[in-house]
Amino acid sequence: MTNKVHKKIELVGSSDKGIEDALQSAVSFAGQTLRNLDWFEVVQVRGSIENGKISNYQVTFQVGFRMEGSS
């Protein structure tokens, strides 16, 4: 059995295209400086409305990444 140690951080992504795009954009950006990203957990979804239509999505989520040296 392997032992893994993860650290969890909170990110906020936004997009005018949708929730999935907000998540993917933030994960891609975080991946430029963080290694071993393994999972995410959505904490909150909110957005903006303009002229009766959704104009922006904002997603707050936690990302877990494996600490260096853990299996």
PDB file of N, CA and C in Angstrom:
ATOM      1  N   MET A   1       0.855  -1.190   0.000  1.00  0.00           N
ATOM      2  CA  MET A   1       0.000   0.000   0.000  1.00  0.00           C
ATOM      3  C   MET A   1       0.893   1.243   0.000  1.00  0.00           C
ATOM      4  N   THR A   2       0.564   2.207  -0.828  1.00  0.00           N
ATOM      5  CA  THR A   2       1.348   3.433  -0.892  1.00  0.00           C
ATOM      6  C   THR A   2       0.729   4.505  -0.006  1.00  0.00           C
ATOM      7  N   ASN A   3       1.588   5.340   0.516  1.00  0.00           N
ATOM      8  CA  ASN A   3       1.132   6.464   1.340  1.00  0.00           C
ATOM      9  C   ASN A   3       1.302   7.736   0.538  1.00  0.00           C
ATOM     10  N   LYS A   4       0.248   8.514   0.448  1.00  0.00           N
ATOM     11  CA  LYS A   4       0.292   9.771  -0.276  1.00  0.00           C
ATOM     12  C   LYS A   4      -0.078  10.903   0.658  1.00  0.00           C
ATOM     13  N   VAL A   5       0.604  12.020   0.489  1.00  0.00           N
ATOM     14  CA  VAL A   5       0.291  13.223   1.253  1.00  0.00           C
ATOM     15  C   VAL A   5      -0.087  14.301   0.250  1.00  0.00           C
ATOM     16  N   HIS A   6      -1.244  14.915   0.461  1.00  0.00           N
ATOM     17  CA  HIS A   6      -1.727  15.967  -0.430  1.00  0.00           C
ATOM     18  C   HIS A   6      -1.802  17.297   0.310  1.00  0.00           C
ATOM     19  N   LYS A   7      -1.662  18.348  -0.421  1.00  0.00           N
ATOM     20  CA  LYS A   7      -1.928  19.697   0.077  1.00  0.00           C
ATOM     21  C   LYS A   7      -3.132  20.212  -0.701  1.00  0.00           C
ATOM     22  N   LYS A   8      -3.945  21.005  -0.056  1.00  0.00           N
ATOM     23  CA  LYS A   8      -5.159  21.511  -0.679  1.00  0.00           C
ATOM     24  C   LYS A   8      -5.108  23.036  -0.679  1.00  0.00           C
ATOM     25  N   ILE A   9      -5.397  23.632  -1.849  1.00  0.00           N
ATOM     26  CA  ILE A   9      -5.470  25.086  -1.958  1.00  0.00           C
ATOM     27  C   ILE A   9      -6.802  25.459  -2.597  1.00  0.00           C
ATOM     28  N   GLU A  10      -7.193  26.714  -2.437  1.00  0.00           N
ATOM     29  CA  GLU A  10      -8.445  27.174  -3.027  1.00  0.00           C
ATOM     30  C   GLU A  10      -8.152  28.101  -4.203  1.00  0.00           C
ATOM     31  N   LEU A  11      -8.860  27.874  -5.288  1.00  0.00           N
ATOM     32  CA  LEU A  11      -8.735  28.685  -6.494  1.00  0.00           C
ATOM     33  C   LEU A  11     -10.103  29.240  -6.864  1.00  0.00           C
ATOM     34  N   VAL A  12     -10.101  30.328  -7.615  1.00  0.00           N
ATOM     35  CA  VAL A  12     -11.331  30.884  -8.167  1.00  0.00           C
ATOM     36  C   VAL A  12     -11.090  31.116  -9.651  1.00  0.00           C
ATOM     37  N   GLY A  13     -11.904  30.463 -10.488  1.00  0.00           N
ATOM     38  CA  GLY A  13     -11.812  30.650 -11.930  1.00  0.00           C
ATOM     39  C   GLY A  13     -13.048  31.363 -12.434  1.00  0.00           C
ATOM     40  N   SER A  14     -12.894  32.132 -13.499  1.00  0.00           N
ATOM     41  CA  SER A  14     -14.060  32.799 -14.075  1.00  0.00           C
ATOM     42  C   SER A  14     -14.008  32.694 -15.597  1.00  0.00           C
ATOM     43  N   SER A  15     -15.185  32.738 -16.193  1.00  0.00           N
ATOM     44  CA  SER A  15     -15.296  32.620 -17.643  1.00  0.00           C
ATOM     45  C   SER A  15     -16.639  33.167 -18.092  1.00  0.00           C
ATOM     46  N   ASP A  16     -16.667  33.694 -19.302  1.00  0.00           N
ATOM     47  CA  ASP A  16     -17.953  34.106 -19.870  1.00  0.00           C
ATOM     48  C   ASP A  16     -18.574  32.971 -20.680  1.00  0.00           C
ATOM     49  N   LYS A  17     -17.868  31.839 -20.784  1.00  0.00           N
ATOM     50  CA  LYS A  17     -18.359  30.693 -21.570  1.00  0.00           C
ATOM     51  C   LYS A  17     -19.125  29.671 -20.743  1.00  0.00           C
ATOM     52  N   GLY A  18     -18.705  29.455 -19.488  1.00  0.00           N
ATOM     53  CA  GLY A  18     -19.404  28.482 -18.664  1.00  0.00           C
ATOM     54  C   GLY A  18     -18.589  28.012 -17.483  1.00  0.00           C
ATOM     55  N   ILE A  19     -19.219  27.188 -16.653  1.00  0.00           N
ATOM     56  CA  ILE A  19     -18.598  26.668 -15.442  1.00  0.00           C
ATOM     57  C   ILE A  19     -17.388  25.807 -15.772  1.00  0.00           C
ATOM     58  N   GLU A  20     -17.551  24.910 -16.717  1.00  0.00           N
ATOM     59  CA  GLU A  20     -16.460  24.010 -17.094  1.00  0.00           C
ATOM     60  C   GLU A  20     -15.238  24.791 -17.587  1.00  0.00           C
ATOM     61  N   ASP A  21     -15.461  25.817 -18.366  1.00  0.00           N
ATOM     62  CA  ASP A  21     -14.363  26.637 -18.875  1.00  0.00           C
ATOM     63  C   ASP A  21     -13.675  27.398 -17.737  1.00  0.00           C
ATOM     64  N   ALA A  22     -14.445  27.859 -16.776  1.00  0.00           N
ATOM     65  CA  ALA A  22     -13.866  28.556 -15.615  1.00  0.00           C
ATOM     66  C   ALA A  22     -12.951  27.613 -14.833  1.00  0.00           C
ATOM     67  N   LEU A  23     -13.410  26.371 -14.632  1.00  0.00           N
ATOM     68  CA  LEU A  23     -12.595  25.377 -13.933  1.00  0.00           C
ATOM     69  C   LEU A  23     -11.329  25.058 -14.711  1.00  0.00           C
ATOM     70  N   GLN A  24     -11.493  24.747 -15.990  1.00  0.00           N
ATOM     71  CA  GLN A  24     -10.352  24.332 -16.807  1.00  0.00           C
ATOM     72  C   GLN A  24      -9.311  25.435 -16.926  1.00  0.00           C
ATOM     73  N   SER A  25      -9.748  26.663 -17.084  1.00  0.00           N
ATOM     74  CA  SER A  25      -8.815  27.788 -17.190  1.00  0.00           C
ATOM     75  C   SER A  25      -7.985  27.936 -15.923  1.00  0.00           C
ATOM     76  N   ALA A  26      -8.631  27.848 -14.774  1.00  0.00           N
ATOM     77  CA  ALA A  26      -7.917  27.998 -13.502  1.00  0.00           C
ATOM     78  C   ALA A  26      -6.971  26.826 -13.262  1.00  0.00           C
ATOM     79  N   VAL A  27      -7.403  25.602 -13.577  1.00  0.00           N
ATOM     80  CA  VAL A  27      -6.537  24.435 -13.397  1.00  0.00           C
ATOM     81  C   VAL A  27      -5.341  24.514 -14.336  1.00  0.00           C
ATOM     82  N   SER A  28      -5.554  24.898 -15.572  1.00  0.00           N
ATOM     83  CA  SER A  28      -4.447  25.029 -16.530  1.00  0.00           C
ATOM     84  C   SER A  28      -3.441  26.073 -16.059  1.00  0.00           C
ATOM     85  N   PHE A  29      -3.927  27.192 -15.578  1.00  0.00           N
ATOM     86  CA  PHE A  29      -3.041  28.245 -15.090  1.00  0.00           C
ATOM     87  C   PHE A  29      -2.265  27.771 -13.862  1.00  0.00           C
ATOM     88  N   ALA A  30      -2.964  27.128 -12.913  1.00  0.00           N
ATOM     89  CA  ALA A  30      -2.302  26.631 -11.701  1.00  0.00           C
ATOM     90  C   ALA A  30      -1.246  25.581 -12.046  1.00  0.00           C
ATOM     91  N   GLY A  31      -1.507  24.788 -13.078  1.00  0.00           N
ATOM     92  CA  GLY A  31      -0.578  23.748 -13.499  1.00  0.00           C
ATOM     93  C   GLY A  31       0.745  24.295 -14.011  1.00  0.00           C
ATOM     94  N   GLN A  32       0.814  25.578 -14.286  1.00  0.00           N
ATOM     95  CA  GLN A  32       2.063  26.182 -14.736  1.00  0.00           C
ATOM     96  C   GLN A  32       3.054  26.342 -13.585  1.00  0.00           C
ATOM     97  N   THR A  33       2.556  26.394 -12.348  1.00  0.00           N
ATOM     98  CA  THR A  33       3.442  26.571 -11.202  1.00  0.00           C
ATOM     99  C   THR A  33       3.332  25.452 -10.167  1.00  0.00           C
ATOM    100  N   LEU A  34       2.298  24.643 -10.232  1.00  0.00           N
ATOM    101  CA  LEU A  34       2.118  23.541  -9.288  1.00  0.00           C
ATOM    102  C   LEU A  34       2.256  22.207 -10.010  1.00  0.00           C
ATOM    103  N   ARG A  35       2.889  21.233  -9.339  1.00  0.00           N
ATOM    104  CA  ARG A  35       3.019  19.896  -9.918  1.00  0.00           C
ATOM    105  C   ARG A  35       2.108  18.924  -9.189  1.00  0.00           C
ATOM    106  N   ASN A  36       1.857  17.799  -9.814  1.00  0.00           N
ATOM    107  CA  ASN A  36       1.124  16.681  -9.205  1.00  0.00           C
ATOM    108  C   ASN A  36      -0.320  17.011  -8.846  1.00  0.00           C
ATOM    109  N   LEU A  37      -0.988  17.862  -9.651  1.00  0.00           N
ATOM    110  CA  LEU A  37      -2.408  18.134  -9.407  1.00  0.00           C
ATOM    111  C   LEU A  37      -3.177  16.835  -9.594  1.00  0.00           C
ATOM    112  N   ASP A  38      -3.989  16.467  -8.602  1.00  0.00           N
ATOM    113  CA  ASP A  38      -4.692  15.177  -8.639  1.00  0.00           C
ATOM    114  C   ASP A  38      -6.213  15.277  -8.671  1.00  0.00           C
ATOM    115  N   TRP A  39      -6.802  16.243  -8.003  1.00  0.00           N
ATOM    116  CA  TRP A  39      -8.261  16.280  -7.894  1.00  0.00           C
ATOM    117  C   TRP A  39      -8.743  17.706  -7.602  1.00  0.00           C
ATOM    118  N   PHE A  40     -10.048  17.899  -7.750  1.00  0.00           N
ATOM    119  CA  PHE A  40     -10.655  19.182  -7.374  1.00  0.00           C
ATOM    120  C   PHE A  40     -12.014  18.933  -6.751  1.00  0.00           C
ATOM    121  N   GLU A  41     -12.474  19.911  -5.989  1.00  0.00           N
ATOM    122  CA  GLU A  41     -13.768  19.845  -5.323  1.00  0.00           C
ATOM    123  C   GLU A  41     -14.409  21.233  -5.391  1.00  0.00           C
ATOM    124  N   VAL A  42     -15.560  21.338  -6.037  1.00  0.00           N
ATOM    125  CA  VAL A  42     -16.240  22.622  -6.183  1.00  0.00           C
ATOM    126  C   VAL A  42     -16.852  23.032  -4.849  1.00  0.00           C
ATOM    127  N   VAL A  43     -16.576  24.267  -4.453  1.00  0.00           N
ATOM    128  CA  VAL A  43     -17.073  24.813  -3.196  1.00  0.00           C
ATOM    129  C   VAL A  43     -18.267  25.723  -3.444  1.00  0.00           C
ATOM    130  N   GLN A  44     -18.175  26.557  -4.498  1.00  0.00           N
ATOM    131  CA  GLN A  44     -19.241  27.523  -4.751  1.00  0.00           C
ATOM    132  C   GLN A  44     -19.263  27.905  -6.232  1.00  0.00           C
ATOM    133  N   VAL A  45     -20.463  28.112  -6.740  1.00  0.00           N
ATOM    134  CA  VAL A  45     -20.644  28.612  -8.105  1.00  0.00           C
ATOM    135  C   VAL A  45     -21.501  29.861  -8.019  1.00  0.00           C
ATOM    136  N   ARG A  46     -21.054  30.913  -8.698  1.00  0.00           N
ATOM    137  CA  ARG A  46     -21.837  32.153  -8.749  1.00  0.00           C
ATOM    138  C   ARG A  46     -21.549  32.821 -10.088  1.00  0.00           C
ATOM    139  N   GLY A  47     -22.226  33.893 -10.354  1.00  0.00           N
ATOM    140  CA  GLY A  47     -22.000  34.569 -11.621  1.00  0.00           C
ATOM    141  C   GLY A  47     -22.664  35.924 -11.669  1.00  0.00           C
ATOM    142  N   SER A  48     -22.551  36.517 -12.837  1.00  0.00           N
ATOM    143  CA  SER A  48     -23.124  37.839 -13.070  1.00  0.00           C
ATOM    144  C   SER A  48     -24.241  37.742 -14.100  1.00  0.00           C
ATOM    145  N   ILE A  49     -25.216  38.608 -13.945  1.00  0.00           N
ATOM    146  CA  ILE A  49     -26.334  38.679 -14.892  1.00  0.00           C
ATOM    147  C   ILE A  49     -26.389  40.093 -15.442  1.00  0.00           C
ATOM    148  N   GLU A  50     -26.453  40.189 -16.761  1.00  0.00           N
ATOM    149  CA  GLU A  50     -26.605  41.484 -17.423  1.00  0.00           C
ATOM    150  C   GLU A  50     -27.718  41.391 -18.452  1.00  0.00           C
ATOM    151  N   ASN A  51     -28.629  42.321 -18.403  1.00  0.00           N
ATOM    152  CA  ASN A  51     -29.753  42.360 -19.344  1.00  0.00           C
ATOM    153  C   ASN A  51     -30.518  41.043 -19.394  1.00  0.00           C
ATOM    154  N   GLY A  52     -30.696  40.433 -18.222  1.00  0.00           N
ATOM    155  CA  GLY A  52     -31.477  39.208 -18.134  1.00  0.00           C
ATOM    156  C   GLY A  52     -30.768  37.952 -18.600  1.00  0.00           C
ATOM    157  N   LYS A  53     -29.464  38.031 -18.869  1.00  0.00           N
ATOM    158  CA  LYS A  53     -28.712  36.852 -19.318  1.00  0.00           C
ATOM    159  C   LYS A  53     -27.441  36.705 -18.476  1.00  0.00           C
ATOM    160  N   ILE A  54     -27.001  35.463 -18.336  1.00  0.00           N
ATOM    161  CA  ILE A  54     -25.751  35.198 -17.608  1.00  0.00           C
ATOM    162  C   ILE A  54     -24.592  35.736 -18.428  1.00  0.00           C
ATOM    163  N   SER A  55     -23.776  36.581 -17.804  1.00  0.00           N
ATOM    164  CA  SER A  55     -22.657  37.186 -18.529  1.00  0.00           C
ATOM    165  C   SER A  55     -21.302  36.651 -18.072  1.00  0.00           C
ATOM    166  N   ASN A  56     -21.256  36.074 -16.872  1.00  0.00           N
ATOM    167  CA  ASN A  56     -19.989  35.562 -16.367  1.00  0.00           C
ATOM    168  C   ASN A  56     -20.241  34.496 -15.306  1.00  0.00           C
ATOM    169  N   TYR A  57     -19.414  33.469 -15.306  1.00  0.00           N
ATOM    170  CA  TYR A  57     -19.473  32.403 -14.320  1.00  0.00           C
ATOM    171  C   TYR A  57     -18.225  32.494 -13.455  1.00  0.00           C
ATOM    172  N   GLN A  58     -18.395  32.294 -12.158  1.00  0.00           N
ATOM    173  CA  GLN A  58     -17.252  32.281 -11.243  1.00  0.00           C
ATOM    174  C   GLN A  58     -17.367  31.044 -10.362  1.00  0.00           C
ATOM    175  N   VAL A  59     -16.304  30.235 -10.337  1.00  0.00           N
ATOM    176  CA  VAL A  59     -16.307  28.982  -9.595  1.00  0.00           C
ATOM    177  C   VAL A  59     -15.178  28.997  -8.565  1.00  0.00           C
ATOM    178  N   THR A  60     -15.541  28.795  -7.314  1.00  0.00           N
ATOM    179  CA  THR A  60     -14.556  28.639  -6.249  1.00  0.00           C
ATOM    180  C   THR A  60     -14.405  27.150  -6.009  1.00  0.00           C
ATOM    181  N   PHE A  61     -13.170  26.672  -6.030  1.00  0.00           N
ATOM    182  CA  PHE A  61     -12.945  25.244  -5.838  1.00  0.00           C
ATOM    183  C   PHE A  61     -11.598  24.985  -5.186  1.00  0.00           C
ATOM    184  N   GLN A  62     -11.485  23.811  -4.576  1.00  0.00           N
ATOM    185  CA  GLN A  62     -10.244  23.402  -3.946  1.00  0.00           C
ATOM    186  C   GLN A  62      -9.550  22.391  -4.851  1.00  0.00           C
ATOM    187  N   VAL A  63      -8.231  22.506  -4.912  1.00  0.00           N
ATOM    188  CA  VAL A  63      -7.415  21.607  -5.718  1.00  0.00           C
ATOM    189  C   VAL A  63      -6.463  20.884  -4.786  1.00  0.00           C
ATOM    190  N   GLY A  64      -6.359  19.574  -4.945  1.00  0.00           N
ATOM    191  CA  GLY A  64      -5.422  18.785  -4.168  1.00  0.00           C
ATOM    192  C   GLY A  64      -4.244  18.389  -5.036  1.00  0.00           C
ATOM    193  N   PHE A  65      -3.037  18.534  -4.487  1.00  0.00           N
ATOM    194  CA  PHE A  65      -1.871  18.081  -5.211  1.00  0.00           C
ATOM    195  C   PHE A  65      -0.968  17.278  -4.278  1.00  0.00           C
ATOM    196  N   ARG A  66      -0.346  16.266  -4.854  1.00  0.00           N
ATOM    197  CA  ARG A  66       0.514  15.342  -4.121  1.00  0.00           C
ATOM    198  C   ARG A  66       1.822  16.043  -3.762  1.00  0.00           C
ATOM    199  N   MET A  67       2.203  15.968  -2.513  1.00  0.00           N
ATOM    200  CA  MET A  67       3.447  16.581  -2.047  1.00  0.00           C
ATOM    201  C   MET A  67       4.631  15.811  -2.607  1.00  0.00           C
ATOM    202  N   GLU A  68       5.681  16.540  -2.953  1.00  0.00           N
ATOM    203  CA  GLU A  68       6.910  15.922  -3.471  1.00  0.00           C
ATOM    204  C   GLU A  68       7.437  14.916  -2.445  1.00  0.00           C
ATOM    205  N   GLY A  69       7.837  13.754  -2.937  1.00  0.00           N
ATOM    206  CA  GLY A  69       8.407  12.729  -2.064  1.00  0.00           C
ATOM    207  C   GLY A  69       7.400  11.737  -1.548  1.00  0.00           C
ATOM    208  N   SER A  70       6.086  12.033  -1.661  1.00  0.00           N
ATOM    209  CA  SER A  70       5.099  11.027  -1.245  1.00  0.00           C
ATOM    210  C   SER A  70       4.826  10.140  -2.446  1.00  0.00           C
ATOM    211  N   SER A  71       4.426   8.917  -2.184  1.00  0.00           N
ATOM    212  CA  SER A  71       4.243   7.924  -3.251  1.00  0.00           C
ATOM    213  C   SER A  71       3.113   8.263  -4.184  1.00  0.00           C
TER     214      SER A  71
END
